Amino acid sequence: MFADESIFCDHDVLAIVERVAGEDPVMCQLATDTPLRGSTYQDVHRDTPALFDDIPETPSFQLTVNFPLCDVTADNGPFETTLGTHRMNSEEAMEAYLTGQISLHAIPMELGDVMIRDVRALHRGTPNNTDAPRPMVVIRYSRSWYFRPEVHIDVPRDVYQRLGPRAKRLLRYMPQVDDIGAVESGENYLKFAY
């Protein structure tokens, strides 16, 4: 499924991504968040820092597209997010959350729903209190000039060669590998949660 262009090259999703985060984006992450029974709350965080230390409000430069592979309910670990904190200084946003000026909102989703969000908004994952895993697909798109080496996709060379022009363009900066099994994943949310 994840090498399926109908998933990551969806015309409607990319139209929104390009309108909000700029034309000719790159796809820089492909993963799932899958809480199991026994999982705990994530710390409230952002997935990336602001572009400039003293200028919190810039145009969006990186978006995440999430879609669940099952219905997401209060019991199986809904995503919680804030409204408007992507336009705030990181410290001010966290202070507003900690003092109760800004609240987290649980986002229930049904199979087939899609959520597109700015990665600078304060958010967290929640515990799964059921026996069934709750997989949520994460596809991240960035403006073409924004690159963080700890967030990338190792693309098998043979898979890349079979992709159409639009998919190849989205993955143009991602490393191509001959043996995906030999690649060590260097990605770790602890490295890029802000």
Protein backbone atom coordinates (compact mmCIF):
# COMPACT_ATOMS: atom_id res chain seq x y z
CA MET A 1 0.00 0.00 0.00
CA PHE A 2 2.72 2.51 0.87
CA ALA A 3 4.25 2.35 -2.59
CA ASP A 4 0.79 2.98 -4.01
CA GLU A 5 0.70 6.35 -5.69
CA SER A 6 -3.04 6.60 -5.19
CA ILE A 7 -2.25 6.94 -1.47
CA PHE A 8 0.57 9.49 -1.35
CA CYS A 9 -0.15 11.26 -4.66
CA ASP A 10 -3.86 11.75 -4.04
CA HIS A 11 -4.91 14.73 -6.15
CA ASP A 12 -7.23 16.28 -3.56
CA VAL A 13 -4.78 15.92 -0.67
CA LEU A 14 -1.87 17.31 -2.70
CA ALA A 15 -4.02 20.25 -3.85
CA ILE A 16 -4.50 21.22 -0.19
CA VAL A 17 -0.84 20.60 0.68
CA GLU A 18 0.32 22.78 -2.22
CA ARG A 19 -2.13 25.55 -1.42
CA VAL A 20 -1.06 25.70 2.24
CA ALA A 21 2.61 24.68 2.16
CA GLY A 22 3.71 25.72 -1.29
CA GLU A 23 3.93 24.34 -4.80
CA ASP A 24 6.17 21.42 -5.71
CA PRO A 25 6.52 19.92 -2.20
CA VAL A 26 8.56 16.90 -1.21
CA MET A 27 7.31 13.90 0.70
CA CYS A 28 9.67 13.44 3.64
CA GLN A 29 8.05 10.94 5.98
CA LEU A 30 5.96 7.80 5.69
CA ALA A 31 5.14 5.93 8.87
CA THR A 32 2.39 4.74 11.18
CA ASP A 33 1.66 5.67 14.77
CA THR A 34 0.21 2.52 16.31
CA PRO A 35 -0.56 2.64 20.03
CA LEU A 36 -1.22 -0.70 21.71
CA ARG A 37 -2.86 -1.55 25.01
CA GLY A 38 -0.54 -0.25 27.72
CA SER A 39 0.54 2.80 25.74
CA THR A 40 0.64 6.09 27.61
CA TYR A 41 0.06 9.75 26.82
CA GLN A 42 2.76 11.41 24.77
CA ASP A 43 4.13 14.64 26.13
CA VAL A 44 2.44 17.62 24.49
CA HIS A 45 4.84 18.69 21.74
CA ARG A 46 5.43 20.10 18.27
CA ASP A 47 7.01 18.00 15.53
CA THR A 48 9.37 20.72 14.34
CA PRO A 49 10.78 24.02 15.57
CA ALA A 50 9.89 27.39 14.08
CA LEU A 51 11.94 28.42 11.08
CA PHE A 52 13.31 31.48 12.90
CA ASP A 53 13.80 31.81 16.64
CA ASP A 54 12.10 35.17 17.04
CA ILE A 55 9.43 34.89 14.33
CA PRO A 56 6.82 32.27 15.23
CA GLU A 57 4.28 33.20 12.57
CA THR A 58 5.54 32.17 9.16
CA PRO A 59 3.67 30.51 6.34
CA SER A 60 3.25 26.77 6.74
CA PHE A 61 6.35 24.90 5.60
CA GLN A 62 5.55 21.34 6.61
CA LEU A 63 2.24 19.49 6.86
CA THR A 64 1.30 16.04 8.08
CA VAL A 65 -1.47 14.02 6.49
CA ASN A 66 -2.98 11.46 8.85
CA PHE A 67 -5.54 8.80 8.08
CA PRO A 68 -6.55 5.88 10.31
CA LEU A 69 -6.67 2.24 9.27
CA CYS A 70 -9.58 1.71 11.67
CA ASP A 71 -12.15 3.88 13.42
CA VAL A 72 -10.54 6.09 16.08
CA THR A 73 -12.55 6.40 19.28
CA ALA A 74 -12.03 7.73 22.78
CA ASP A 75 -10.99 4.20 23.81
CA ASN A 76 -8.33 3.34 21.24
CA GLY A 77 -6.08 6.38 21.35
CA PRO A 78 -7.38 9.49 19.58
CA PHE A 79 -5.01 12.22 18.49
CA GLU A 80 -5.30 15.37 20.61
CA THR A 81 -4.40 18.78 19.26
CA THR A 82 -4.72 22.48 19.94
CA LEU A 83 -6.11 25.20 17.73
CA GLY A 84 -3.93 28.07 16.55
CA THR A 85 -0.70 27.16 18.35
CA HIS A 86 1.12 26.69 15.02
CA ARG A 87 1.05 30.48 14.75
CA MET A 88 2.46 31.09 18.23
CA ASN A 89 5.94 31.22 19.69
CA SER A 90 6.72 27.76 21.08
CA GLU A 91 7.23 28.93 24.66
CA GLU A 92 4.10 31.10 24.63
CA ALA A 93 2.04 28.24 23.20
CA MET A 94 3.25 25.82 25.88
CA GLU A 95 2.65 28.36 28.62
CA ALA A 96 -0.89 28.97 27.32
CA TYR A 97 -1.51 25.21 27.36
CA LEU A 98 -0.05 24.72 30.84
CA THR A 99 -2.10 27.59 32.30
CA GLY A 100 -5.34 26.35 30.72
CA GLN A 101 -5.73 29.20 28.22
CA ILE A 102 -5.52 26.66 25.39
CA SER A 103 -7.10 23.22 25.50
CA LEU A 104 -6.38 19.94 23.77
CA HIS A 105 -9.18 18.59 21.57
CA ALA A 106 -9.56 14.86 20.90
CA ILE A 107 -10.07 14.10 17.22
CA PRO A 108 -12.23 11.01 16.67
CA MET A 109 -11.94 9.69 13.11
CA GLU A 110 -13.64 7.07 11.01
CA LEU A 111 -12.00 4.79 8.50
CA GLY A 112 -11.76 6.94 5.35
CA ASP A 113 -11.25 10.25 7.15
CA VAL A 114 -8.16 12.36 6.45
CA MET A 115 -6.63 15.03 8.67
CA ILE A 116 -4.12 17.57 7.31
CA ARG A 117 -2.28 19.57 9.96
CA ASP A 118 0.61 21.97 10.46
CA VAL A 119 3.35 20.16 12.39
CA ARG A 120 3.96 23.18 14.65
CA ALA A 121 0.63 22.82 16.48
CA LEU A 122 0.91 21.47 20.02
CA HIS A 123 -0.45 17.92 20.12
CA ARG A 124 -0.05 14.45 21.59
CA GLY A 125 -1.02 10.82 21.16
CA THR A 126 -3.20 9.16 23.79
CA PRO A 127 -3.34 5.67 25.32
CA ASN A 128 -5.05 2.78 23.59
CA ASN A 129 -7.31 1.11 26.17
CA THR A 130 -8.44 -1.69 23.83
CA ASP A 131 -6.87 -5.00 22.83
CA ALA A 132 -6.71 -4.04 19.13
CA PRO A 133 -3.82 -1.94 17.72
CA ARG A 134 -4.83 1.51 16.43
CA PRO A 135 -2.74 2.27 13.30
CA MET A 136 -2.69 5.86 12.00
CA VAL A 137 -0.79 6.54 8.77
CA VAL A 138 1.55 9.54 8.82
CA ILE A 139 2.62 11.12 5.54
CA ARG A 140 4.60 14.32 5.82
CA TYR A 141 5.11 16.88 3.07
CA SER A 142 7.49 19.84 3.18
CA ARG A 143 8.27 22.84 1.08
CA SER A 144 10.96 21.76 -1.37
CA TRP A 145 13.76 23.63 0.43
CA TYR A 146 13.03 22.33 3.96
CA PHE A 147 15.08 19.29 4.90
CA ARG A 148 15.75 17.62 8.24
CA PRO A 149 17.98 14.57 7.82
CA GLU A 150 16.48 12.69 10.77
CA VAL A 151 13.13 12.62 8.95
CA HIS A 152 13.38 10.80 5.64
CA ILE A 153 12.19 7.81 3.63
CA ASP A 154 14.60 5.13 2.43
CA VAL A 155 13.11 4.28 -0.98
CA PRO A 156 14.00 0.93 -2.57
CA ARG A 157 15.59 1.73 -5.91
CA ASP A 158 13.41 -0.79 -7.80
CA VAL A 159 10.24 0.71 -6.27
CA TYR A 160 11.34 4.23 -7.21
CA GLN A 161 11.93 3.17 -10.82
CA ARG A 162 8.34 1.89 -11.12
CA LEU A 163 6.78 5.14 -9.85
CA GLY A 164 5.19 7.74 -12.09
CA PRO A 165 6.65 11.22 -12.61
CA ARG A 166 4.59 12.90 -9.83
CA ALA A 167 5.60 10.31 -7.23
CA LYS A 168 9.25 10.49 -8.27
CA ARG A 169 9.11 14.27 -7.95
CA LEU A 170 7.68 14.03 -4.42
CA LEU A 171 10.49 11.63 -3.42
CA ARG A 172 13.29 13.40 -5.31
CA TYR A 173 15.45 14.12 -2.23
CA MET A 174 14.90 10.82 -0.42
CA PRO A 175 17.76 8.30 -0.37
CA GLN A 176 17.39 5.37 -2.73
CA VAL A 177 18.61 2.05 -1.36
CA ASP A 178 19.23 -1.37 -2.87
CA ASP A 179 18.41 -3.43 0.22
CA ILE A 180 15.74 -1.97 2.50
CA GLY A 181 16.42 -4.71 5.06
CA ALA A 182 19.98 -3.49 5.52
CA VAL A 183 18.94 0.08 6.33
CA GLU A 184 18.91 1.06 9.99
CA SER A 185 16.09 3.38 10.89
CA GLY A 186 17.55 6.54 12.35
CA GLU A 187 14.14 8.10 12.91
CA ASN A 188 13.06 8.59 16.50
CA TYR A 189 10.33 10.90 17.74
CA LEU A 190 12.56 11.88 20.64
CA LYS A 191 14.87 13.48 18.10
CA PHE A 192 12.25 15.71 16.55
CA ALA A 193 9.61 16.53 19.11
CA TYR A 194 9.76 20.21 20.13
